C-alpha cells in the first residue's frame, strides 16, 4: 500500500463520524427532543469538464442536534450518457452512433447542515459533506464491437446552500444549489505489466428540489 493510500482510511473514518461527534459536543447538556429527518431529492448535475446536464437523485438522513444544526449521512446517484455520432449519407439526414459512454456517480458522505433561522417560514440553509465517491464508466465501441467497464473512487466532498419552505411543522420543501468536488482514480495496467493511476475529475455544479420530513 502506497503512502498516498495509507492516510485515506483514517480520513474516511473521520469524515464519516464528523457529523456525529461535532454536533453532539455542541449540544451536550441541552434538553431537546430526539428528532431525525430524511430528505429525498432530485435534480440536475453538470460536471465542469463535461457537456450538458444529467439527472440525479439523492437522500440525506440526519439527526437534529438543535433547531439550527443537523448532522448525518448523504448519498445519491447521478447518471450520465454521451454518444459519439456522425451524419449518415442517407437522404433523410439520420445520424450514426459510433460509440457510447454511460457513467454513474455515487457519493457516500457525512455532512453538517446549518439552518440560519428556525422561526420564519422560509429557512436559508448551508451544508458541507465529505466522504467517498465512486464512478463507474461503461464504454461501447460500435465499430469494433468492444465494451469496457472502469471503476474509479476517491475521497470527495460536497457543499450546498438553499432555502427550505415550511409546509407543516414536520415537512419542508428544499430548493438547493450544490457543488461536488473530487478527483476519482483507478490503478490501470498496460499489456507490458506497467501500472499507473488514471484520474477522472468529477467537479461540477447542480440544482435539486427535495422533500424533507421530520420524525421522532
N, C-alpha and C. Protein backbone atom coordinates (compact mmCIF):
# COMPACT_ATOMS: atom_id res chain seq x y z
N UNK A 1 0.85 -1.19 0.00
CA UNK A 1 0.00 0.00 0.00
C UNK A 1 0.88 1.24 0.00
N UNK A 2 0.64 2.17 -0.95
CA UNK A 2 1.45 3.36 -1.06
C UNK A 2 1.10 4.34 0.05
N UNK A 3 2.05 5.30 0.37
CA UNK A 3 1.75 6.28 1.42
C UNK A 3 0.50 7.07 1.13
N UNK A 4 0.21 7.35 -0.19
CA UNK A 4 -1.00 8.08 -0.52
C UNK A 4 -2.25 7.35 -0.15
N UNK A 5 -2.16 6.00 -0.11
CA UNK A 5 -3.34 5.21 0.24
C UNK A 5 -3.52 5.11 1.75
N UNK A 6 -2.43 5.15 2.51
CA UNK A 6 -2.49 4.86 3.94
C UNK A 6 -3.36 5.86 4.67
N UNK A 7 -3.24 7.15 4.31
CA UNK A 7 -3.97 8.16 5.09
C UNK A 7 -5.44 8.20 4.74
N UNK A 8 -5.86 7.55 3.65
CA UNK A 8 -7.25 7.64 3.25
C UNK A 8 -8.19 6.88 4.17
N UNK A 9 -7.74 5.80 4.74
CA UNK A 9 -8.61 5.02 5.61
C UNK A 9 -8.99 5.80 6.86
N UNK A 10 -8.01 6.35 7.63
CA UNK A 10 -8.43 7.15 8.79
C UNK A 10 -9.15 8.43 8.41
N UNK A 11 -8.81 9.04 7.26
CA UNK A 11 -9.50 10.25 6.84
C UNK A 11 -10.95 9.96 6.52
N UNK A 12 -11.20 8.84 5.83
CA UNK A 12 -12.57 8.48 5.51
C UNK A 12 -13.37 8.21 6.78
N UNK A 13 -12.75 7.53 7.76
CA UNK A 13 -13.44 7.28 9.03
C UNK A 13 -13.75 8.58 9.74
N UNK A 14 -12.82 9.54 9.66
CA UNK A 14 -13.06 10.85 10.27
C UNK A 14 -14.24 11.55 9.61
N UNK A 15 -14.30 11.50 8.27
CA UNK A 15 -15.40 12.13 7.55
C UNK A 15 -16.73 11.51 7.93
N UNK A 16 -16.74 10.19 8.07
CA UNK A 16 -17.99 9.51 8.35
C UNK A 16 -18.52 9.78 9.76
N UNK A 17 -17.61 10.07 10.69
CA UNK A 17 -18.04 10.29 12.07
C UNK A 17 -18.14 11.78 12.42
N UNK A 18 -17.72 12.64 11.51
CA UNK A 18 -17.74 14.08 11.78
C UNK A 18 -19.13 14.56 12.13
N UNK A 19 -20.13 14.07 11.40
CA UNK A 19 -21.49 14.54 11.62
C UNK A 19 -22.06 14.09 12.94
N UNK A 20 -21.47 13.08 13.57
CA UNK A 20 -21.98 12.59 14.84
C UNK A 20 -21.30 13.25 16.02
N UNK A 21 -19.98 13.40 15.97
CA UNK A 21 -19.23 13.85 17.15
C UNK A 21 -19.24 15.36 17.33
N UNK A 22 -19.11 16.12 16.25
CA UNK A 22 -19.04 17.57 16.40
C UNK A 22 -20.36 18.14 16.92
N UNK A 23 -21.51 17.86 16.28
CA UNK A 23 -22.76 18.41 16.82
C UNK A 23 -23.10 17.86 18.20
N UNK A 24 -22.73 16.61 18.47
CA UNK A 24 -23.02 16.04 19.78
C UNK A 24 -22.31 16.83 20.87
N UNK A 25 -21.07 17.22 20.59
CA UNK A 25 -20.32 18.02 21.56
C UNK A 25 -20.95 19.39 21.73
N UNK A 26 -21.45 19.95 20.63
CA UNK A 26 -22.07 21.27 20.70
C UNK A 26 -23.36 21.24 21.51
N UNK A 27 -24.11 20.14 21.37
CA UNK A 27 -25.42 20.06 22.01
C UNK A 27 -25.39 19.36 23.35
N UNK A 28 -24.21 19.01 23.84
CA UNK A 28 -24.13 18.28 25.11
C UNK A 28 -24.74 19.10 26.24
N UNK A 29 -25.59 18.49 26.97
CA UNK A 29 -26.22 19.17 28.09
C UNK A 29 -27.51 19.87 27.73
N UNK A 30 -27.80 19.98 26.42
CA UNK A 30 -29.04 20.65 26.03
C UNK A 30 -30.20 19.67 26.09
N UNK A 31 -31.35 20.16 26.51
CA UNK A 31 -32.54 19.33 26.58
C UNK A 31 -33.39 19.61 25.35
N UNK A 32 -33.47 18.67 24.42
CA UNK A 32 -34.24 18.83 23.20
C UNK A 32 -34.77 17.47 22.78
N UNK A 33 -35.90 17.43 22.08
CA UNK A 33 -36.45 16.15 21.64
C UNK A 33 -35.51 15.46 20.65
N UNK A 34 -35.60 14.14 20.60
CA UNK A 34 -34.76 13.34 19.72
C UNK A 34 -35.41 13.32 18.35
N UNK A 35 -35.06 14.30 17.50
CA UNK A 35 -35.69 14.47 16.19
C UNK A 35 -34.71 14.06 15.10
N UNK A 36 -35.23 13.32 14.12
CA UNK A 36 -34.47 12.91 12.94
C UNK A 36 -35.23 13.38 11.71
N UNK A 37 -34.57 13.39 10.57
CA UNK A 37 -35.26 13.74 9.33
C UNK A 37 -34.63 13.00 8.16
N UNK A 38 -35.42 12.85 7.12
CA UNK A 38 -34.94 12.27 5.87
C UNK A 38 -35.37 13.17 4.73
N UNK A 39 -34.43 13.44 3.83
CA UNK A 39 -34.74 14.25 2.66
C UNK A 39 -34.55 13.40 1.41
N UNK A 40 -35.54 13.39 0.54
CA UNK A 40 -35.48 12.74 -0.77
C UNK A 40 -35.52 13.83 -1.82
N UNK A 41 -34.56 13.84 -2.73
CA UNK A 41 -34.49 14.93 -3.69
C UNK A 41 -34.08 14.44 -5.08
N UNK A 42 -34.32 15.28 -6.04
CA UNK A 42 -33.92 15.02 -7.42
C UNK A 42 -33.58 16.32 -8.10
N UNK A 43 -32.80 16.24 -9.18
CA UNK A 43 -32.41 17.46 -9.87
C UNK A 43 -31.51 17.17 -11.05
N UNK A 44 -30.65 18.15 -11.34
CA UNK A 44 -29.73 18.06 -12.47
C UNK A 44 -28.31 18.36 -12.00
N UNK A 45 -27.34 17.68 -12.63
CA UNK A 45 -25.94 17.86 -12.28
C UNK A 45 -25.12 17.95 -13.56
N UNK A 46 -24.12 18.83 -13.57
CA UNK A 46 -23.25 19.01 -14.73
C UNK A 46 -21.81 19.12 -14.27
N UNK A 47 -20.95 18.26 -14.79
CA UNK A 47 -19.53 18.37 -14.48
C UNK A 47 -18.92 19.54 -15.25
N UNK A 48 -17.91 20.16 -14.66
CA UNK A 48 -17.29 21.33 -15.29
C UNK A 48 -16.58 20.94 -16.58
N UNK A 49 -15.96 19.75 -16.60
CA UNK A 49 -15.22 19.31 -17.79
C UNK A 49 -16.11 18.64 -18.83
N UNK A 50 -17.38 18.42 -18.51
CA UNK A 50 -18.26 17.73 -19.44
C UNK A 50 -19.14 18.69 -20.21
N UNK A 51 -20.11 18.11 -20.91
CA UNK A 51 -21.05 18.92 -21.69
C UNK A 51 -22.47 18.49 -21.34
N UNK A 52 -23.33 19.46 -21.10
CA UNK A 52 -24.72 19.16 -20.80
C UNK A 52 -24.94 18.78 -19.36
N UNK A 53 -26.22 18.65 -19.00
CA UNK A 53 -26.63 18.27 -17.65
C UNK A 53 -27.13 16.84 -17.65
N UNK A 54 -27.16 16.27 -16.44
CA UNK A 54 -27.58 14.88 -16.28
C UNK A 54 -28.49 14.79 -15.06
N UNK A 55 -29.44 13.86 -15.07
CA UNK A 55 -30.34 13.72 -13.92
C UNK A 55 -29.65 13.11 -12.71
N UNK A 56 -30.11 13.49 -11.52
CA UNK A 56 -29.59 12.92 -10.29
C UNK A 56 -30.71 12.77 -9.28
N UNK A 57 -30.57 11.80 -8.40
CA UNK A 57 -31.46 11.63 -7.26
C UNK A 57 -30.58 11.41 -6.03
N UNK A 58 -31.14 11.67 -4.84
CA UNK A 58 -30.33 11.51 -3.64
C UNK A 58 -31.16 11.49 -2.38
N UNK A 59 -30.46 11.29 -1.26
CA UNK A 59 -31.10 11.21 0.04
C UNK A 59 -30.15 11.73 1.10
N UNK A 60 -30.71 12.46 2.07
CA UNK A 60 -29.96 12.83 3.28
C UNK A 60 -30.72 12.31 4.49
N UNK A 61 -30.00 11.67 5.40
CA UNK A 61 -30.59 11.14 6.63
C UNK A 61 -29.84 11.80 7.78
N UNK A 62 -30.56 12.52 8.66
CA UNK A 62 -29.85 13.33 9.64
C UNK A 62 -30.55 13.36 10.99
N UNK A 63 -29.75 13.64 12.01
CA UNK A 63 -30.23 13.89 13.36
C UNK A 63 -30.22 15.40 13.60
N UNK A 64 -31.25 15.90 14.31
CA UNK A 64 -31.32 17.32 14.63
C UNK A 64 -30.69 17.52 16.01
N UNK A 65 -29.48 18.04 16.02
CA UNK A 65 -28.81 18.28 17.30
C UNK A 65 -29.31 19.56 17.96
N UNK A 66 -29.87 20.44 17.15
CA UNK A 66 -30.56 21.64 17.62
C UNK A 66 -31.44 22.09 16.46
N UNK A 67 -32.31 23.10 16.67
CA UNK A 67 -33.10 23.58 15.53
C UNK A 67 -32.24 24.14 14.40
N UNK A 68 -30.98 24.47 14.71
CA UNK A 68 -30.11 25.08 13.71
C UNK A 68 -29.09 24.12 13.13
N UNK A 69 -28.74 23.04 13.81
CA UNK A 69 -27.63 22.17 13.39
C UNK A 69 -28.13 20.74 13.17
N UNK A 70 -27.93 20.25 11.95
CA UNK A 70 -28.23 18.87 11.60
C UNK A 70 -26.92 18.17 11.25
N UNK A 71 -26.89 16.86 11.44
CA UNK A 71 -25.73 16.07 11.03
C UNK A 71 -26.16 14.68 10.65
N UNK A 72 -25.53 14.09 9.63
CA UNK A 72 -25.91 12.75 9.22
C UNK A 72 -25.15 12.27 8.02
N UNK A 73 -25.81 11.45 7.20
CA UNK A 73 -25.21 10.84 6.03
C UNK A 73 -26.00 11.24 4.79
N UNK A 74 -25.28 11.34 3.67
CA UNK A 74 -25.92 11.60 2.39
C UNK A 74 -25.41 10.64 1.34
N UNK A 75 -26.26 10.34 0.38
CA UNK A 75 -25.87 9.52 -0.76
C UNK A 75 -26.72 9.94 -1.95
N UNK A 76 -26.44 9.36 -3.10
CA UNK A 76 -27.19 9.73 -4.29
C UNK A 76 -26.71 8.95 -5.50
N UNK A 77 -27.25 9.32 -6.64
CA UNK A 77 -26.88 8.70 -7.91
C UNK A 77 -27.06 9.72 -9.02
N UNK A 78 -25.97 9.99 -9.76
CA UNK A 78 -26.03 10.82 -10.96
C UNK A 78 -25.75 9.91 -12.16
N UNK A 79 -26.59 9.99 -13.18
CA UNK A 79 -26.48 9.14 -14.35
C UNK A 79 -26.23 10.01 -15.57
N UNK A 80 -25.14 9.70 -16.29
CA UNK A 80 -24.78 10.47 -17.48
C UNK A 80 -24.62 9.53 -18.66
N UNK A 81 -24.99 9.99 -19.84
CA UNK A 81 -24.86 9.20 -21.05
C UNK A 81 -24.47 10.14 -22.19
N UNK A 82 -23.39 9.81 -22.89
CA UNK A 82 -22.92 10.61 -24.01
C UNK A 82 -22.62 9.68 -25.18
N UNK A 83 -22.91 10.15 -26.40
CA UNK A 83 -22.70 9.35 -27.62
C UNK A 83 -21.79 10.09 -28.58
N UNK A 84 -21.03 9.31 -29.37
CA UNK A 84 -20.23 9.84 -30.46
C UNK A 84 -20.97 9.51 -31.75
N UNK A 85 -21.45 10.57 -32.44
CA UNK A 85 -22.29 10.38 -33.61
C UNK A 85 -21.75 11.16 -34.79
N UNK A 86 -22.20 10.77 -35.98
CA UNK A 86 -21.88 11.49 -37.21
C UNK A 86 -23.06 11.35 -38.16
N UNK A 87 -23.19 12.31 -39.07
CA UNK A 87 -24.27 12.26 -40.04
C UNK A 87 -24.04 11.14 -41.03
N UNK A 88 -25.11 10.42 -41.37
CA UNK A 88 -25.01 9.36 -42.36
C UNK A 88 -25.17 9.93 -43.77
N UNK A 89 -24.96 9.09 -44.78
CA UNK A 89 -25.08 9.52 -46.17
C UNK A 89 -26.50 9.35 -46.71
N UNK A 90 -27.43 8.94 -45.84
CA UNK A 90 -28.79 8.70 -46.30
C UNK A 90 -29.50 10.02 -46.59
N UNK A 91 -30.56 9.92 -47.40
CA UNK A 91 -31.28 11.12 -47.82
C UNK A 91 -32.04 11.77 -46.68
N UNK A 92 -32.41 11.00 -45.67
CA UNK A 92 -33.20 11.58 -44.57
C UNK A 92 -32.35 12.28 -43.53
N UNK A 93 -31.05 12.30 -43.72
CA UNK A 93 -30.17 13.04 -42.82
C UNK A 93 -30.04 12.45 -41.43
N UNK A 94 -30.23 11.14 -41.28
CA UNK A 94 -30.11 10.49 -39.97
C UNK A 94 -28.66 10.46 -39.52
N UNK A 95 -28.48 10.17 -38.25
CA UNK A 95 -27.14 10.15 -37.66
C UNK A 95 -26.79 8.73 -37.23
N UNK A 96 -25.50 8.41 -37.29
CA UNK A 96 -25.00 7.09 -36.93
C UNK A 96 -24.20 7.20 -35.63
N UNK A 97 -24.49 6.31 -34.68
CA UNK A 97 -23.78 6.30 -33.41
C UNK A 97 -22.58 5.36 -33.50
N UNK A 98 -21.37 5.91 -33.28
CA UNK A 98 -20.15 5.12 -33.34
C UNK A 98 -19.75 4.56 -31.98
N UNK A 99 -20.15 5.24 -30.93
CA UNK A 99 -19.79 4.80 -29.59
C UNK A 99 -20.64 5.49 -28.55
N UNK A 100 -20.61 4.94 -27.34
CA UNK A 100 -21.43 5.49 -26.26
C UNK A 100 -20.74 5.29 -24.93
N UNK A 101 -20.87 6.29 -24.06
CA UNK A 101 -20.30 6.22 -22.71
C UNK A 101 -21.42 6.45 -21.71
N UNK A 102 -21.60 5.51 -20.79
CA UNK A 102 -22.56 5.65 -19.70
C UNK A 102 -21.78 5.75 -18.39
N UNK A 103 -22.13 6.74 -17.57
CA UNK A 103 -21.42 6.97 -16.32
C UNK A 103 -22.41 7.06 -15.17
N UNK A 104 -21.99 6.55 -14.01
CA UNK A 104 -22.78 6.62 -12.78
C UNK A 104 -21.87 7.07 -11.64
N UNK A 105 -22.31 8.11 -10.94
CA UNK A 105 -21.55 8.64 -9.80
C UNK A 105 -22.36 8.41 -8.53
N UNK A 106 -21.74 7.81 -7.52
CA UNK A 106 -22.41 7.51 -6.25
C UNK A 106 -21.56 8.04 -5.10
N UNK A 107 -22.02 9.04 -4.35
CA UNK A 107 -21.30 9.51 -3.16
C UNK A 107 -21.84 8.85 -1.89
N UNK A 108 -20.99 8.76 -0.88
CA UNK A 108 -21.39 8.36 0.47
C UNK A 108 -20.59 9.24 1.42
N UNK A 109 -21.27 10.19 2.07
CA UNK A 109 -20.58 11.22 2.84
C UNK A 109 -21.30 11.49 4.16
N UNK A 110 -20.51 11.91 5.14
CA UNK A 110 -21.06 12.52 6.33
C UNK A 110 -21.22 14.01 6.09
N UNK A 111 -22.24 14.63 6.67
CA UNK A 111 -22.46 16.06 6.40
C UNK A 111 -22.92 16.79 7.66
N UNK A 112 -22.70 18.09 7.64
CA UNK A 112 -23.20 19.03 8.64
C UNK A 112 -24.05 20.07 7.93
N UNK A 113 -25.24 20.36 8.44
CA UNK A 113 -26.10 21.39 7.87
C UNK A 113 -26.45 22.41 8.94
N UNK A 114 -26.42 23.67 8.57
CA UNK A 114 -26.76 24.76 9.48
C UNK A 114 -27.95 25.52 8.89
N UNK A 115 -29.03 25.59 9.67
CA UNK A 115 -30.19 26.41 9.31
C UNK A 115 -30.01 27.78 9.94
N UNK A 116 -30.11 28.82 9.13
CA UNK A 116 -29.79 30.16 9.60
C UNK A 116 -30.88 30.78 10.45
N UNK A 117 -32.09 30.19 10.44
CA UNK A 117 -33.17 30.62 11.32
C UNK A 117 -34.09 29.43 11.56
N UNK A 118 -34.88 29.48 12.62
CA UNK A 118 -35.87 28.42 12.85
C UNK A 118 -37.25 29.02 13.14
N UNK A 119 -37.40 30.30 12.85
CA UNK A 119 -38.66 30.99 13.16
C UNK A 119 -39.50 31.25 11.92
N UNK A 120 -38.87 31.64 10.83
CA UNK A 120 -39.60 32.05 9.64
C UNK A 120 -40.06 30.84 8.83
N UNK A 121 -41.00 31.09 7.91
CA UNK A 121 -41.45 30.01 7.03
C UNK A 121 -40.38 29.68 6.00
N UNK A 122 -39.62 30.69 5.56
CA UNK A 122 -38.50 30.47 4.65
C UNK A 122 -37.23 30.36 5.47
N UNK A 123 -36.53 29.21 5.34
CA UNK A 123 -35.34 28.94 6.16
C UNK A 123 -34.11 28.82 5.26
N UNK A 124 -33.22 29.83 5.24
CA UNK A 124 -31.97 29.68 4.50
C UNK A 124 -31.11 28.61 5.17
N UNK A 125 -30.40 27.82 4.36
CA UNK A 125 -29.57 26.76 4.91
C UNK A 125 -28.30 26.60 4.10
N UNK A 126 -27.24 26.12 4.79
CA UNK A 126 -25.98 25.80 4.14
C UNK A 126 -25.50 24.46 4.70
N UNK A 127 -24.71 23.73 3.92
CA UNK A 127 -24.23 22.44 4.38
C UNK A 127 -22.92 22.07 3.73
N UNK A 128 -22.21 21.14 4.37
CA UNK A 128 -20.94 20.64 3.85
C UNK A 128 -20.84 19.16 4.17
N UNK A 129 -20.40 18.38 3.18
CA UNK A 129 -20.22 16.95 3.37
C UNK A 129 -18.86 16.50 2.85
N UNK A 130 -18.35 15.42 3.43
CA UNK A 130 -17.08 14.84 2.98
C UNK A 130 -17.15 13.33 3.19
N UNK A 131 -16.53 12.60 2.29
CA UNK A 131 -16.53 11.15 2.39
C UNK A 131 -15.89 10.52 1.18
N UNK A 132 -16.56 9.53 0.60
CA UNK A 132 -16.01 8.79 -0.54
C UNK A 132 -17.00 8.83 -1.69
N UNK A 133 -16.46 8.73 -2.91
CA UNK A 133 -17.31 8.77 -4.10
C UNK A 133 -16.81 7.75 -5.12
N UNK A 134 -17.75 7.11 -5.80
CA UNK A 134 -17.42 6.10 -6.80
C UNK A 134 -17.94 6.52 -8.17
N UNK A 135 -17.19 6.18 -9.20
CA UNK A 135 -17.58 6.43 -10.59
C UNK A 135 -17.44 5.14 -11.37
N UNK A 136 -18.49 4.77 -12.10
CA UNK A 136 -18.46 3.60 -12.97
C UNK A 136 -18.68 4.07 -14.41
N UNK A 137 -17.76 3.68 -15.31
CA UNK A 137 -17.84 4.06 -16.72
C UNK A 137 -18.01 2.81 -17.58
N UNK A 138 -19.04 2.81 -18.43
CA UNK A 138 -19.24 1.76 -19.42
C UNK A 138 -19.05 2.38 -20.80
N UNK A 139 -18.06 1.87 -21.55
CA UNK A 139 -17.73 2.41 -22.87
C UNK A 139 -18.01 1.34 -23.92
N UNK A 140 -18.81 1.69 -24.93
CA UNK A 140 -19.12 0.78 -26.02
C UNK A 140 -18.63 1.37 -27.33
N UNK A 141 -17.84 0.58 -28.07
CA UNK A 141 -17.34 0.97 -29.38
C UNK A 141 -18.09 0.15 -30.43
N UNK A 142 -18.99 0.80 -31.17
CA UNK A 142 -19.81 0.07 -32.13
C UNK A 142 -19.01 -0.33 -33.37
N UNK A 143 -17.88 0.31 -33.62
CA UNK A 143 -17.07 -0.03 -34.79
C UNK A 143 -16.35 -1.36 -34.59
N UNK A 144 -15.86 -1.58 -33.39
CA UNK A 144 -15.13 -2.82 -33.10
C UNK A 144 -15.98 -3.85 -32.37
N UNK A 145 -17.13 -3.41 -31.84
CA UNK A 145 -17.97 -4.30 -31.07
C UNK A 145 -17.50 -4.54 -29.66
N UNK A 146 -16.51 -3.79 -29.21
CA UNK A 146 -15.94 -3.99 -27.87
C UNK A 146 -16.65 -3.12 -26.85
N UNK A 147 -16.59 -3.55 -25.60
CA UNK A 147 -17.15 -2.77 -24.49
C UNK A 147 -16.27 -2.98 -23.27
N UNK A 148 -16.08 -1.93 -22.50
CA UNK A 148 -15.25 -1.99 -21.31
C UNK A 148 -15.96 -1.29 -20.16
N UNK A 149 -15.63 -1.72 -18.94
CA UNK A 149 -16.14 -1.07 -17.72
C UNK A 149 -14.96 -0.71 -16.84
N UNK A 150 -14.94 0.52 -16.35
CA UNK A 150 -13.88 1.00 -15.47
C UNK A 150 -14.52 1.59 -14.22
N UNK A 151 -13.93 1.32 -13.06
CA UNK A 151 -14.44 1.82 -11.79
C UNK A 151 -13.38 2.69 -11.11
N UNK A 152 -13.81 3.84 -10.65
CA UNK A 152 -12.92 4.81 -10.01
C UNK A 152 -13.47 5.14 -8.62
N UNK A 153 -12.60 5.61 -7.74
CA UNK A 153 -13.03 6.01 -6.41
C UNK A 153 -11.98 6.85 -5.72
N UNK A 154 -12.44 7.67 -4.78
CA UNK A 154 -11.50 8.50 -4.01
C UNK A 154 -12.30 9.33 -3.01
N UNK A 155 -11.56 10.00 -2.12
CA UNK A 155 -12.16 10.99 -1.22
C UNK A 155 -12.78 12.11 -2.05
N UNK A 156 -13.99 12.56 -1.66
CA UNK A 156 -14.66 13.64 -2.36
C UNK A 156 -15.43 14.48 -1.34
N UNK A 157 -15.97 15.59 -1.78
CA UNK A 157 -16.68 16.48 -0.88
C UNK A 157 -17.83 17.18 -1.62
N UNK A 158 -18.73 17.76 -0.84
CA UNK A 158 -19.87 18.48 -1.40
C UNK A 158 -20.23 19.64 -0.49
N UNK A 159 -20.59 20.74 -1.07
CA UNK A 159 -21.14 21.86 -0.32
C UNK A 159 -22.42 22.32 -0.99
N UNK A 160 -23.37 22.81 -0.20
CA UNK A 160 -24.66 23.21 -0.78
C UNK A 160 -25.27 24.35 0.02
N UNK A 161 -26.18 25.02 -0.60
CA UNK A 161 -26.92 26.10 0.04
C UNK A 161 -28.27 26.26 -0.63
N UNK A 162 -29.23 26.76 0.11
CA UNK A 162 -30.55 26.91 -0.46
C UNK A 162 -31.55 27.45 0.53
N UNK A 163 -32.82 27.21 0.25
CA UNK A 163 -33.90 27.70 1.08
C UNK A 163 -34.91 26.58 1.29
N UNK A 164 -35.32 26.39 2.56
CA UNK A 164 -36.38 25.44 2.88
C UNK A 164 -37.68 26.21 3.09
N UNK A 165 -38.76 25.68 2.52
CA UNK A 165 -40.08 26.26 2.69
C UNK A 165 -40.89 25.33 3.60
N UNK A 166 -41.30 25.83 4.76
CA UNK A 166 -42.07 25.03 5.70
C UNK A 166 -43.50 24.83 5.18
N UNK A 167 -43.88 23.59 4.96
CA UNK A 167 -45.24 23.27 4.56
C UNK A 167 -46.10 22.96 5.79
N UNK A 168 -45.54 22.18 6.72
CA UNK A 168 -46.16 21.90 8.02
C UNK A 168 -45.04 21.94 9.05
N UNK A 169 -45.37 21.62 10.30
CA UNK A 169 -44.35 21.61 11.36
C UNK A 169 -43.28 20.55 11.10
N UNK A 170 -43.59 19.51 10.33
CA UNK A 170 -42.66 18.41 10.12
C UNK A 170 -42.26 18.20 8.66
N UNK A 171 -42.76 18.99 7.76
CA UNK A 171 -42.49 18.79 6.33
C UNK A 171 -42.01 20.10 5.71
N UNK A 172 -40.92 20.01 4.97
CA UNK A 172 -40.36 21.16 4.26
C UNK A 172 -40.06 20.76 2.82
N UNK A 173 -40.09 21.75 1.94
CA UNK A 173 -39.63 21.58 0.57
C UNK A 173 -38.36 22.41 0.42
N UNK A 174 -37.26 21.74 0.06
CA UNK A 174 -35.96 22.40 -0.02
C UNK A 174 -35.53 22.58 -1.47
N UNK A 175 -35.14 23.78 -1.81
CA UNK A 175 -34.52 24.07 -3.09
C UNK A 175 -33.07 24.43 -2.85
N UNK A 176 -32.14 23.73 -3.55
CA UNK A 176 -30.71 23.87 -3.25
C UNK A 176 -29.87 23.94 -4.51
N UNK A 177 -28.77 24.67 -4.42
CA UNK A 177 -27.66 24.60 -5.37
C UNK A 177 -26.51 23.90 -4.68
N UNK A 178 -25.78 23.05 -5.41
CA UNK A 178 -24.68 22.31 -4.77
C UNK A 178 -23.47 22.22 -5.68
N UNK A 179 -22.32 22.01 -5.05
CA UNK A 179 -21.05 21.82 -5.76
C UNK A 179 -20.44 20.51 -5.29
N UNK A 180 -20.06 19.67 -6.23
CA UNK A 180 -19.39 18.40 -5.93
C UNK A 180 -17.94 18.50 -6.37
N UNK A 181 -17.02 18.08 -5.50
CA UNK A 181 -15.60 18.13 -5.83
C UNK A 181 -14.92 16.80 -5.60
N UNK A 182 -14.11 16.37 -6.54
CA UNK A 182 -13.38 15.12 -6.36
C UNK A 182 -12.56 14.76 -7.58
N UNK A 183 -11.44 14.07 -7.36
CA UNK A 183 -10.60 13.52 -8.42
C UNK A 183 -10.55 12.01 -8.19
N UNK A 184 -11.42 11.29 -8.88
CA UNK A 184 -11.56 9.85 -8.67
C UNK A 184 -10.54 9.11 -9.53
N UNK A 185 -9.98 8.04 -9.00
CA UNK A 185 -8.88 7.38 -9.70
C UNK A 185 -9.00 5.86 -9.64
N UNK A 186 -8.25 5.22 -10.51
CA UNK A 186 -8.12 3.76 -10.51
C UNK A 186 -6.72 3.39 -10.94
N UNK A 187 -6.29 2.22 -10.55
CA UNK A 187 -4.99 1.71 -10.96
C UNK A 187 -5.16 0.95 -12.27
N UNK A 188 -4.46 1.38 -13.32
CA UNK A 188 -4.55 0.75 -14.63
C UNK A 188 -3.24 0.02 -14.93
N UNK A 189 -3.33 -0.97 -15.79
CA UNK A 189 -2.17 -1.78 -16.15
C UNK A 189 -2.15 -1.97 -17.67
N UNK A 190 -1.00 -1.76 -18.30
CA UNK A 190 -0.91 -1.96 -19.75
C UNK A 190 -0.47 -3.39 -20.06
N UNK A 191 -0.34 -3.68 -21.34
CA UNK A 191 -0.02 -5.04 -21.77
C UNK A 191 1.38 -5.47 -21.38
N UNK A 192 2.24 -4.52 -21.02
CA UNK A 192 3.60 -4.84 -20.58
C UNK A 192 3.70 -5.02 -19.07
N UNK A 193 2.60 -4.86 -18.37
CA UNK A 193 2.61 -5.03 -16.92
C UNK A 193 2.88 -3.77 -16.14
N UNK A 194 3.10 -2.65 -16.83
CA UNK A 194 3.34 -1.38 -16.13
C UNK A 194 2.01 -0.85 -15.59
N UNK A 195 2.05 -0.23 -14.42
CA UNK A 195 0.83 0.30 -13.81
C UNK A 195 0.95 1.81 -13.62
N UNK A 196 -0.20 2.45 -13.62
CA UNK A 196 -0.28 3.89 -13.37
C UNK A 196 -1.69 4.19 -12.88
N UNK A 197 -1.88 5.42 -12.42
CA UNK A 197 -3.19 5.83 -11.93
C UNK A 197 -3.89 6.69 -12.98
N UNK A 198 -5.11 6.30 -13.35
CA UNK A 198 -5.97 7.13 -14.17
C UNK A 198 -6.86 7.97 -13.25
N UNK A 199 -7.04 9.23 -13.58
CA UNK A 199 -7.82 10.15 -12.75
C UNK A 199 -8.93 10.77 -13.58
N UNK A 200 -10.14 10.78 -13.03
CA UNK A 200 -11.29 11.45 -13.65
C UNK A 200 -11.79 12.51 -12.66
N UNK A 201 -11.80 13.76 -13.10
CA UNK A 201 -12.29 14.85 -12.25
C UNK A 201 -13.81 14.94 -12.38
N UNK A 202 -14.48 14.92 -11.24
CA UNK A 202 -15.95 14.98 -11.22
C UNK A 202 -16.43 16.28 -10.57
N UNK A 203 -15.61 17.32 -10.63
CA UNK A 203 -16.04 18.62 -10.12
C UNK A 203 -17.22 19.12 -10.95
N UNK A 204 -18.26 19.58 -10.28
CA UNK A 204 -19.41 20.07 -11.02
C UNK A 204 -20.42 20.75 -10.13
N UNK A 205 -21.42 21.34 -10.75
CA UNK A 205 -22.47 22.07 -10.04
C UNK A 205 -23.83 21.48 -10.41
N UNK A 206 -24.79 21.70 -9.53
CA UNK A 206 -26.12 21.17 -9.79
C UNK A 206 -27.18 21.90 -9.01
N UNK A 207 -28.41 21.56 -9.30
CA UNK A 207 -29.57 22.10 -8.60
C UNK A 207 -30.53 20.96 -8.30
N UNK A 208 -31.19 21.02 -7.16
CA UNK A 208 -32.09 19.94 -6.77
C UNK A 208 -33.25 20.49 -5.95
N UNK A 209 -34.33 19.72 -5.95
CA UNK A 209 -35.54 20.04 -5.18
C UNK A 209 -35.87 18.81 -4.36
N UNK A 210 -36.09 19.01 -3.05
CA UNK A 210 -36.28 17.85 -2.17
C UNK A 210 -37.42 18.02 -1.19
N UNK A 211 -37.91 16.89 -0.71
CA UNK A 211 -38.93 16.84 0.35
C UNK A 211 -38.24 16.37 1.61
N UNK A 212 -38.25 17.20 2.66
CA UNK A 212 -37.56 16.94 3.92
C UNK A 212 -38.61 16.70 4.99
N UNK A 213 -38.57 15.52 5.63
CA UNK A 213 -39.61 15.12 6.57
C UNK A 213 -39.00 14.76 7.93
N UNK A 214 -39.56 15.32 9.01
CA UNK A 214 -39.11 15.05 10.36
C UNK A 214 -39.86 13.86 10.95
N UNK A 215 -39.18 13.16 11.87
CA UNK A 215 -39.82 12.13 12.67
C UNK A 215 -39.06 11.99 13.98
N UNK A 216 -39.72 11.43 14.97
CA UNK A 216 -39.09 11.25 16.30
C UNK A 216 -39.02 9.78 16.64
